[in-house]
């Protein structure tokens, strides 16, 4: 399910930039992670250094684009690590992520080394 931002004023969708909302899928865990990062005044680059999670995966978690991950276990593990880095409860984030994965229709990216 995608959020329609055609008639939404920019101030109502902060902390997302104008036009960014179109590509975001509602993922409660991702929204909590992003909100905690912004509340801690951390940039994505700071979270990358803190957690050693690549930039593309941080963005995928925050926007609910879980198809960027090879398998659900990677999304869950990265979300737990991200949660620890920004001071959230990793177990709660894991529960939210598992619930989101269970209802989402995600086709997981296959890496070239797994057949």
Protein backbone atom coordinates (compact mmCIF):
# COMPACT_ATOMS: atom_id res chain seq x y z
CA UNK A 1 0.00 0.00 0.00
CA UNK A 2 1.47 3.36 -1.02
CA UNK A 3 0.60 6.67 0.54
CA UNK A 4 -0.98 9.19 -1.83
CA UNK A 5 0.57 12.62 -1.35
CA UNK A 6 -1.10 14.44 -4.23
CA UNK A 7 -3.30 16.51 -1.92
CA UNK A 8 -1.14 16.46 1.21
CA UNK A 9 0.59 19.65 2.27
CA UNK A 10 4.34 19.40 2.77
CA UNK A 11 4.20 20.38 6.46
CA UNK A 12 1.88 17.46 7.17
CA UNK A 13 4.38 14.85 5.97
CA UNK A 14 7.51 16.04 7.71
CA UNK A 15 10.17 14.67 8.27
CA UNK A 16 9.97 13.50 4.66
CA UNK A 17 10.96 15.86 1.87
CA UNK A 18 8.46 17.00 -0.73
CA UNK A 19 7.98 14.31 -3.37
CA UNK A 20 9.74 11.68 -1.27
CA UNK A 21 6.45 10.41 0.16
CA UNK A 22 5.43 8.92 -3.19
CA UNK A 23 7.99 6.12 -2.94
CA UNK A 24 7.41 5.29 0.71
CA UNK A 25 5.49 2.22 1.80
CA UNK A 26 4.02 2.42 5.28
CA UNK A 27 6.32 0.37 7.48
CA UNK A 28 5.79 1.21 11.16
CA UNK A 29 9.24 -0.08 12.12
CA UNK A 30 10.88 2.03 9.42
CA UNK A 31 8.95 5.11 10.48
CA UNK A 32 10.03 4.57 14.11
CA UNK A 33 13.66 4.11 13.07
CA UNK A 34 13.64 7.29 10.99
CA UNK A 35 11.89 9.27 13.73
CA UNK A 36 14.44 8.08 16.32
CA UNK A 37 17.31 8.97 13.99
CA UNK A 38 15.94 12.47 13.44
CA UNK A 39 15.17 12.94 17.15
CA UNK A 40 18.79 12.02 17.89
CA UNK A 41 19.85 14.54 15.22
CA UNK A 42 21.77 11.86 13.32
CA UNK A 43 22.29 11.90 9.59
CA UNK A 44 22.00 8.72 7.54
CA UNK A 45 25.79 8.82 7.17
CA UNK A 46 26.20 8.91 10.96
CA UNK A 47 23.95 5.85 11.29
CA UNK A 48 25.98 4.10 8.57
CA UNK A 49 29.18 4.68 10.57
CA UNK A 50 27.52 3.73 13.84
CA UNK A 51 25.87 0.51 12.65
CA UNK A 52 28.02 -0.44 9.63
CA UNK A 53 24.82 -0.88 7.62
CA UNK A 54 25.10 0.37 4.04
CA UNK A 55 23.32 3.60 3.12
CA UNK A 56 20.98 1.85 0.65
CA UNK A 57 19.75 -0.52 3.37
CA UNK A 58 19.17 2.31 5.87
CA UNK A 59 16.99 4.04 3.27
CA UNK A 60 15.23 0.76 2.41
CA UNK A 61 14.35 0.21 6.08
CA UNK A 62 13.10 3.76 6.56
CA UNK A 63 10.96 3.73 3.43
CA UNK A 64 9.67 0.15 3.68
CA UNK A 65 11.33 -0.95 0.43
CA UNK A 66 12.21 -4.40 1.77
CA UNK A 67 12.66 -5.85 -1.70
CA UNK A 68 16.18 -4.41 -1.50
CA UNK A 69 17.13 -7.20 0.90
CA UNK A 70 18.08 -10.73 -0.15
CA UNK A 71 15.78 -12.30 2.46
CA UNK A 72 13.53 -11.26 5.36
CA UNK A 73 16.13 -12.27 7.95
CA UNK A 74 18.49 -9.56 6.65
CA UNK A 75 15.81 -6.87 6.94
CA UNK A 76 15.02 -8.00 10.48
CA UNK A 77 18.67 -8.17 11.54
CA UNK A 78 19.51 -4.78 10.07
CA UNK A 79 16.42 -3.26 11.69
CA UNK A 80 17.47 -4.64 15.10
CA UNK A 81 21.00 -3.27 14.66
CA UNK A 82 19.65 0.12 13.53
CA UNK A 83 17.29 0.19 16.53
CA UNK A 84 20.18 -0.39 18.95
CA UNK A 85 22.15 2.38 17.25
CA UNK A 86 19.41 4.99 17.70
CA UNK A 87 18.30 3.88 21.17
CA UNK A 88 15.11 1.97 20.36
CA UNK A 89 14.08 -1.42 21.73
CA UNK A 90 15.37 -4.00 19.19
CA UNK A 91 12.74 -6.57 20.20
CA UNK A 92 9.90 -4.15 19.54
CA UNK A 93 11.36 -3.19 16.15
CA UNK A 94 11.77 -6.88 15.33
CA UNK A 95 8.10 -7.56 16.17
CA UNK A 96 6.98 -4.61 14.04
CA UNK A 97 9.21 -5.70 11.17
CA UNK A 98 7.99 -9.31 11.30
CA UNK A 99 4.37 -8.13 11.31
CA UNK A 100 5.04 -5.85 8.34
CA UNK A 101 6.83 -8.63 6.42
CA UNK A 102 3.96 -11.04 7.10
CA UNK A 103 1.40 -8.72 5.47
CA UNK A 104 3.63 -7.18 2.77
CA UNK A 105 3.83 -8.62 -0.70
CA UNK A 106 7.59 -8.37 -1.12
CA UNK A 107 9.62 -10.17 -3.74
CA UNK A 108 13.03 -10.61 -2.19
CA UNK A 109 16.10 -9.79 -4.27
CA UNK A 110 18.22 -12.83 -5.05
CA UNK A 111 21.95 -12.41 -4.90
CA UNK A 112 24.09 -13.91 -7.63
CA UNK A 113 25.91 -16.29 -5.31
CA UNK A 114 22.81 -18.12 -4.13
CA UNK A 115 21.06 -20.41 -6.57
